[in-house]
Amino acid sequence: MNILFIYPQPPMHEGKERLFNQGIAYLSAVLKKEGYKTSLVTLADSSQLDLIITRINKFKPDLIGISSTTDQIDLTKEMIKH
C-alpha cells in the first residue's frame, strides 16, 4: 500500500527556520517498518499546488494524509480544492 503525506508548511517569518513535522516522520517510520511505502510532499505556498497532482500521478497512493495547523489552514483549503 502506498501512503502519501502532504504537509503545507506554515508561513515563513523573518529569522525563523522551516518547521519539521515529527508526527509525519513518526507515522512514516512505523508504516515503512510494517512494509508500507510512504512519500511526502511539502508545500511552501500555493504556487506549488501542481506538485501534488504530479506526485499523486507518479506515486499512485492508496491513501493520502494531510497535516495542517491553524496557520496552514488557508493553504490547506486551497490545496484540497485543487
N, C-alpha and C. Protein backbone atom coordinates (compact mmCIF):
# COMPACT_ATOMS: atom_id res chain seq x y z
N MET A 1 0.85 -1.18 0.00
CA MET A 1 0.00 0.00 0.00
C MET A 1 0.89 1.24 0.00
N ASN A 2 0.57 2.19 -0.84
CA ASN A 2 1.28 3.47 -0.93
C ASN A 2 0.52 4.54 -0.16
N ILE A 3 1.22 5.23 0.71
CA ILE A 3 0.62 6.29 1.51
C ILE A 3 1.38 7.59 1.26
N LEU A 4 0.66 8.61 0.83
CA LEU A 4 1.25 9.92 0.55
C LEU A 4 0.87 10.89 1.66
N PHE A 5 1.87 11.51 2.24
CA PHE A 5 1.64 12.56 3.24
C PHE A 5 1.84 13.91 2.57
N ILE A 6 0.97 14.85 2.91
CA ILE A 6 1.10 16.21 2.39
C ILE A 6 1.22 17.14 3.58
N TYR A 7 2.24 17.98 3.54
CA TYR A 7 2.50 18.91 4.64
C TYR A 7 2.61 20.33 4.11
N PRO A 8 1.53 21.13 4.22
CA PRO A 8 1.64 22.54 3.86
C PRO A 8 2.34 23.27 5.00
N GLN A 9 3.54 23.74 4.74
CA GLN A 9 4.33 24.37 5.79
C GLN A 9 3.75 25.72 6.20
N PRO A 10 3.91 26.06 7.48
CA PRO A 10 3.46 27.38 7.94
C PRO A 10 4.23 28.48 7.22
N PRO A 11 3.64 29.67 7.16
CA PRO A 11 4.33 30.79 6.51
C PRO A 11 5.68 31.06 7.18
N MET A 12 6.64 31.48 6.38
CA MET A 12 7.97 31.84 6.91
C MET A 12 7.89 33.18 7.62
N HIS A 13 8.54 33.25 8.75
CA HIS A 13 8.68 34.51 9.46
C HIS A 13 10.16 34.85 9.49
N GLU A 14 10.47 36.10 9.34
CA GLU A 14 11.86 36.52 9.26
C GLU A 14 12.65 36.00 10.47
N GLY A 15 13.79 35.40 10.16
CA GLY A 15 14.65 34.89 11.23
C GLY A 15 14.29 33.51 11.73
N LYS A 16 13.24 32.91 11.20
CA LYS A 16 12.82 31.58 11.64
C LYS A 16 13.10 30.56 10.55
N GLU A 17 13.41 29.34 10.95
CA GLU A 17 13.63 28.26 10.00
C GLU A 17 12.33 27.53 9.75
N ARG A 18 12.26 26.82 8.62
CA ARG A 18 11.09 25.99 8.32
C ARG A 18 10.97 24.90 9.37
N LEU A 19 9.74 24.53 9.68
CA LEU A 19 9.49 23.50 10.69
C LEU A 19 9.54 22.10 10.10
N PHE A 20 9.92 21.16 10.91
CA PHE A 20 9.93 19.75 10.55
C PHE A 20 8.75 19.10 11.24
N ASN A 21 7.96 18.33 10.53
CA ASN A 21 6.78 17.70 11.12
C ASN A 21 7.14 16.32 11.67
N GLN A 22 7.36 16.26 12.98
CA GLN A 22 7.74 14.99 13.61
C GLN A 22 6.63 13.97 13.55
N GLY A 23 5.40 14.41 13.60
CA GLY A 23 4.26 13.48 13.54
C GLY A 23 4.27 12.67 12.26
N ILE A 24 4.46 13.35 11.13
CA ILE A 24 4.53 12.65 9.85
C ILE A 24 5.75 11.73 9.83
N ALA A 25 6.86 12.21 10.35
CA ALA A 25 8.08 11.38 10.36
C ALA A 25 7.86 10.11 11.17
N TYR A 26 7.23 10.20 12.33
CA TYR A 26 6.95 9.02 13.15
C TYR A 26 6.02 8.06 12.43
N LEU A 27 4.94 8.59 11.89
CA LEU A 27 3.99 7.74 11.16
C LEU A 27 4.66 7.04 9.99
N SER A 28 5.44 7.78 9.23
CA SER A 28 6.12 7.21 8.07
C SER A 28 7.09 6.10 8.50
N ALA A 29 7.83 6.32 9.56
CA ALA A 29 8.79 5.31 10.04
C ALA A 29 8.09 4.02 10.45
N VAL A 30 7.00 4.14 11.18
CA VAL A 30 6.26 2.95 11.61
C VAL A 30 5.66 2.22 10.41
N LEU A 31 5.08 2.98 9.50
CA LEU A 31 4.49 2.36 8.31
C LEU A 31 5.53 1.66 7.45
N LYS A 32 6.69 2.29 7.26
CA LYS A 32 7.75 1.66 6.48
C LYS A 32 8.24 0.37 7.15
N LYS A 33 8.32 0.39 8.46
CA LYS A 33 8.74 -0.79 9.21
C LYS A 33 7.76 -1.95 9.01
N GLU A 34 6.49 -1.60 8.78
CA GLU A 34 5.45 -2.62 8.57
C GLU A 34 5.28 -2.98 7.09
N GLY A 35 6.13 -2.42 6.23
CA GLY A 35 6.12 -2.80 4.82
C GLY A 35 5.37 -1.88 3.88
N TYR A 36 4.86 -0.78 4.37
CA TYR A 36 4.17 0.19 3.52
C TYR A 36 5.18 1.09 2.83
N LYS A 37 4.80 1.65 1.69
CA LYS A 37 5.62 2.65 1.02
C LYS A 37 5.02 4.02 1.32
N THR A 38 5.85 4.95 1.73
CA THR A 38 5.36 6.29 2.02
C THR A 38 6.14 7.33 1.23
N SER A 39 5.50 8.47 1.02
CA SER A 39 6.12 9.59 0.34
C SER A 39 5.57 10.87 0.96
N LEU A 40 6.33 11.95 0.83
CA LEU A 40 5.94 13.22 1.43
C LEU A 40 6.02 14.33 0.39
N VAL A 41 4.98 15.17 0.34
CA VAL A 41 5.00 16.40 -0.44
C VAL A 41 4.94 17.54 0.56
N THR A 42 5.91 18.42 0.51
CA THR A 42 5.94 19.60 1.38
C THR A 42 5.69 20.82 0.52
N LEU A 43 4.68 21.59 0.89
CA LEU A 43 4.32 22.79 0.13
C LEU A 43 4.64 24.04 0.93
N ALA A 44 5.30 24.98 0.29
CA ALA A 44 5.60 26.25 0.95
C ALA A 44 4.53 27.30 0.66
N ASP A 45 3.92 27.21 -0.53
CA ASP A 45 2.89 28.18 -0.89
C ASP A 45 2.05 27.63 -2.04
N SER A 46 1.03 28.38 -2.43
CA SER A 46 0.07 27.91 -3.44
C SER A 46 0.68 27.79 -4.84
N SER A 47 1.85 28.35 -5.08
CA SER A 47 2.47 28.22 -6.40
C SER A 47 2.94 26.79 -6.66
N GLN A 48 2.95 25.95 -5.63
CA GLN A 48 3.43 24.58 -5.76
C GLN A 48 2.30 23.55 -5.81
N LEU A 49 1.06 23.98 -5.98
CA LEU A 49 -0.07 23.06 -5.93
C LEU A 49 -0.02 21.98 -7.01
N ASP A 50 0.51 22.31 -8.18
CA ASP A 50 0.60 21.31 -9.25
C ASP A 50 1.54 20.17 -8.88
N LEU A 51 2.44 20.42 -7.93
CA LEU A 51 3.35 19.38 -7.45
C LEU A 51 2.56 18.21 -6.83
N ILE A 52 1.45 18.52 -6.20
CA ILE A 52 0.62 17.46 -5.59
C ILE A 52 0.09 16.53 -6.67
N ILE A 53 -0.46 17.10 -7.73
CA ILE A 53 -1.02 16.30 -8.82
C ILE A 53 0.07 15.44 -9.45
N THR A 54 1.23 16.03 -9.67
CA THR A 54 2.36 15.29 -10.25
C THR A 54 2.74 14.12 -9.36
N ARG A 55 2.86 14.37 -8.05
CA ARG A 55 3.26 13.31 -7.13
C ARG A 55 2.19 12.22 -7.02
N ILE A 56 0.92 12.61 -7.03
CA ILE A 56 -0.17 11.62 -6.98
C ILE A 56 -0.11 10.74 -8.22
N ASN A 57 0.05 11.34 -9.38
CA ASN A 57 0.11 10.56 -10.62
C ASN A 57 1.32 9.63 -10.66
N LYS A 58 2.42 10.07 -10.09
CA LYS A 58 3.65 9.26 -10.11
C LYS A 58 3.63 8.17 -9.03
N PHE A 59 3.24 8.51 -7.81
CA PHE A 59 3.30 7.60 -6.67
C PHE A 59 2.08 6.68 -6.58
N LYS A 60 0.94 7.14 -7.10
CA LYS A 60 -0.32 6.39 -7.08
C LYS A 60 -0.69 5.91 -5.66
N PRO A 61 -0.91 6.85 -4.76
CA PRO A 61 -1.20 6.48 -3.37
C PRO A 61 -2.56 5.82 -3.21
N ASP A 62 -2.62 4.88 -2.26
CA ASP A 62 -3.89 4.28 -1.86
C ASP A 62 -4.56 5.14 -0.79
N LEU A 63 -3.76 5.92 -0.11
CA LEU A 63 -4.23 6.76 0.99
C LEU A 63 -3.42 8.05 0.99
N ILE A 64 -4.11 9.18 1.24
CA ILE A 64 -3.44 10.47 1.34
C ILE A 64 -3.74 11.05 2.71
N GLY A 65 -2.68 11.44 3.43
CA GLY A 65 -2.84 12.07 4.74
C GLY A 65 -2.32 13.50 4.68
N ILE A 66 -3.08 14.43 5.25
CA ILE A 66 -2.71 15.84 5.24
C ILE A 66 -2.57 16.31 6.68
N SER A 67 -1.45 16.93 6.98
CA SER A 67 -1.23 17.53 8.29
C SER A 67 -1.43 19.03 8.16
N SER A 68 -2.21 19.60 9.07
CA SER A 68 -2.44 21.04 8.99
C SER A 68 -2.68 21.61 10.38
N THR A 69 -2.21 22.83 10.57
CA THR A 69 -2.48 23.57 11.79
C THR A 69 -3.16 24.88 11.41
N THR A 70 -3.53 25.66 12.40
CA THR A 70 -4.28 26.88 12.16
C THR A 70 -3.61 27.81 11.15
N ASP A 71 -2.30 28.01 11.28
CA ASP A 71 -1.64 28.95 10.37
C ASP A 71 -1.43 28.39 8.98
N GLN A 72 -1.78 27.12 8.76
CA GLN A 72 -1.67 26.50 7.45
C GLN A 72 -3.02 26.32 6.78
N ILE A 73 -4.08 26.65 7.46
CA ILE A 73 -5.43 26.27 7.02
C ILE A 73 -5.80 26.85 5.66
N ASP A 74 -5.43 28.08 5.36
CA ASP A 74 -5.80 28.67 4.06
C ASP A 74 -5.13 27.91 2.91
N LEU A 75 -3.85 27.61 3.05
CA LEU A 75 -3.15 26.85 2.03
C LEU A 75 -3.72 25.43 1.93
N THR A 76 -4.06 24.84 3.06
CA THR A 76 -4.64 23.50 3.07
C THR A 76 -5.98 23.47 2.34
N LYS A 77 -6.84 24.43 2.60
CA LYS A 77 -8.13 24.51 1.90
C LYS A 77 -7.93 24.67 0.40
N GLU A 78 -7.02 25.54 0.00
CA GLU A 78 -6.74 25.76 -1.41
C GLU A 78 -6.21 24.48 -2.05
N MET A 79 -5.37 23.76 -1.35
CA MET A 79 -4.78 22.53 -1.84
C MET A 79 -5.86 21.47 -2.06
N ILE A 80 -6.76 21.32 -1.11
CA ILE A 80 -7.83 20.33 -1.23
C ILE A 80 -8.74 20.63 -2.41
N LYS A 81 -9.06 21.90 -2.63
CA LYS A 81 -9.88 22.29 -3.79
C LYS A 81 -9.19 22.04 -5.11
N HIS A 82 -7.87 22.14 -5.10
CA HIS A 82 -7.07 21.98 -6.33
C HIS A 82 -7.17 20.55 -6.80
